[in-house]
Amino acid sequence: MPAISPQSHVQNILRISHEMYGQAKQGDWATFTRLEAKREKIITALFAHPHINVMLETLAATLRQVMTIDNKSMALGEREKQRLAGEMAGLNQHHQAARVYQLASMNESLSS
């Protein structure tokens, strides 16, 4: 079986990066994570290729595209993280308010 060329690896990495960004835009982080794991294996294979040092300059422009897409995906991930942190803070406040209400109700029942 012939070895996969560095160019093929880089094109697969770029394609998967685009797919990952699409999943990030849709908020499908489970699929994003699966694609990221798949892409990581290809990246490992790329850098293990015996001719990578000779080919790196040729592949650099495509790898920069991958980095640009990754930056966009990371920005979406950070926004989602902030949104979830806000939701969690709201839930915590709700639970605290419910506990205070419950304690106040119990104290009122005891004093009656």
Protein backbone atom coordinates (compact mmCIF):
# COMPACT_ATOMS: atom_id res chain seq x y z
CA MET A 1 0.00 0.00 0.00
CA PRO A 2 1.58 3.31 -1.04
CA ALA A 3 2.21 5.96 1.60
CA ILE A 4 -0.14 8.91 1.61
CA SER A 5 1.59 12.05 0.37
CA PRO A 6 2.03 15.08 2.62
CA GLN A 7 -0.12 17.07 0.19
CA SER A 8 -2.98 14.59 0.63
CA HIS A 9 -2.62 14.75 4.40
CA VAL A 10 -2.72 18.55 4.35
CA GLN A 11 -5.78 18.60 2.08
CA ASN A 12 -7.55 16.16 4.43
CA ILE A 13 -6.59 18.31 7.42
CA LEU A 14 -7.95 21.41 5.67
CA ARG A 15 -11.20 19.63 4.70
CA ILE A 16 -11.76 18.36 8.25
CA SER A 17 -10.94 21.82 9.65
CA HIS A 18 -13.70 23.28 7.48
CA GLU A 19 -16.08 20.56 8.71
CA MET A 20 -15.09 21.30 12.31
CA TYR A 21 -15.79 25.01 11.83
CA GLY A 22 -19.19 24.16 10.37
CA GLN A 23 -20.00 22.03 13.39
CA ALA A 24 -18.80 24.79 15.73
CA LYS A 25 -21.10 27.29 13.99
CA GLN A 26 -23.99 24.87 14.52
CA GLY A 27 -23.02 24.31 18.14
CA ASP A 28 -22.48 20.58 17.59
CA TRP A 29 -19.49 20.22 19.88
CA ALA A 30 -19.72 16.41 20.07
CA THR A 31 -19.22 16.09 16.30
CA PHE A 32 -16.58 18.82 16.45
CA THR A 33 -14.65 16.77 19.02
CA ARG A 34 -14.90 13.56 16.96
CA LEU A 35 -13.63 15.39 13.88
CA GLU A 36 -10.82 16.94 15.91
CA ALA A 37 -9.66 13.48 17.05
CA LYS A 38 -9.76 12.22 13.46
CA ARG A 39 -7.80 15.26 12.29
CA GLU A 40 -5.22 14.82 15.06
CA LYS A 41 -4.37 11.35 13.72
CA ILE A 42 -3.82 12.80 10.25
CA ILE A 43 -1.65 15.60 11.65
CA THR A 44 0.45 13.00 13.46
CA ALA A 45 0.81 11.00 10.23
CA LEU A 46 1.75 14.17 8.33
CA PHE A 47 4.57 15.09 10.67
CA ALA A 48 5.78 11.47 10.77
CA HIS A 49 6.11 11.41 6.98
CA PRO A 50 9.74 10.86 5.93
CA HIS A 51 9.71 13.83 3.51
CA ILE A 52 7.95 16.36 5.74
CA ASN A 53 11.02 18.56 6.21
CA VAL A 54 11.46 18.93 2.45
CA MET A 55 7.73 19.56 1.87
CA LEU A 56 6.98 21.88 4.78
CA GLU A 57 7.58 25.12 2.92
CA THR A 58 5.28 23.98 0.10
CA LEU A 59 2.57 23.02 2.59
CA ALA A 60 2.87 26.15 4.74
CA ALA A 61 0.17 28.19 2.97
CA THR A 62 -2.43 25.45 3.45
CA LEU A 63 -1.38 24.94 7.06
CA ARG A 64 -1.85 28.69 7.62
CA GLN A 65 -5.40 28.31 6.27
CA VAL A 66 -5.96 25.56 8.82
CA MET A 67 -4.71 27.86 11.58
CA THR A 68 -7.07 30.64 10.44
CA ILE A 69 -10.04 28.27 10.51
CA ASP A 70 -8.96 26.96 13.91
CA ASN A 71 -8.84 30.50 15.28
CA LYS A 72 -12.44 31.03 14.13
CA SER A 73 -13.51 27.73 15.71
CA MET A 74 -11.74 28.61 18.96
CA ALA A 75 -13.51 31.97 19.07
CA LEU A 76 -16.87 30.20 18.71
CA GLY A 77 -15.86 27.75 21.42
CA GLU A 78 -14.91 30.59 23.76
CA ARG A 79 -18.27 32.29 23.15
CA GLU A 80 -20.08 29.04 23.94
CA LYS A 81 -18.01 28.60 27.08
CA GLN A 82 -18.94 32.12 28.22
CA ARG A 83 -22.62 31.49 27.44
CA LEU A 84 -22.59 28.27 29.46
CA ALA A 85 -20.79 29.97 32.34
CA GLY A 86 -23.54 32.62 32.36
CA GLU A 87 -26.21 29.93 32.37
CA MET A 88 -24.49 28.13 35.24
CA ALA A 89 -24.26 31.35 37.25
CA GLY A 90 -27.97 31.92 36.69
CA LEU A 91 -28.79 28.38 37.79
CA ASN A 92 -26.65 28.77 40.90
CA GLN A 93 -28.48 31.98 41.80
CA HIS A 94 -31.81 30.24 41.25
CA HIS A 95 -30.80 27.35 43.50
CA GLN A 96 -29.55 29.73 46.20
CA ALA A 97 -32.80 31.68 46.09
CA ALA A 98 -34.79 28.45 46.36
CA ARG A 99 -32.72 27.38 49.40
CA VAL A 100 -33.25 30.75 51.10
CA TYR A 101 -36.98 30.51 50.43
CA GLN A 102 -37.05 26.95 51.77
CA LEU A 103 -35.15 27.95 54.93
CA ALA A 104 -37.39 30.97 55.45
CA SER A 105 -40.49 28.77 55.05
CA MET A 106 -39.10 26.25 57.54
CA ASN A 107 -38.31 29.00 60.07
CA GLU A 108 -41.79 30.46 59.63
CA SER A 109 -43.34 27.02 60.22
CA LEU A 110 -41.25 26.49 63.35
CA SER A 111 -42.14 29.86 64.83
CA SER A 112 -45.89 29.33 64.30
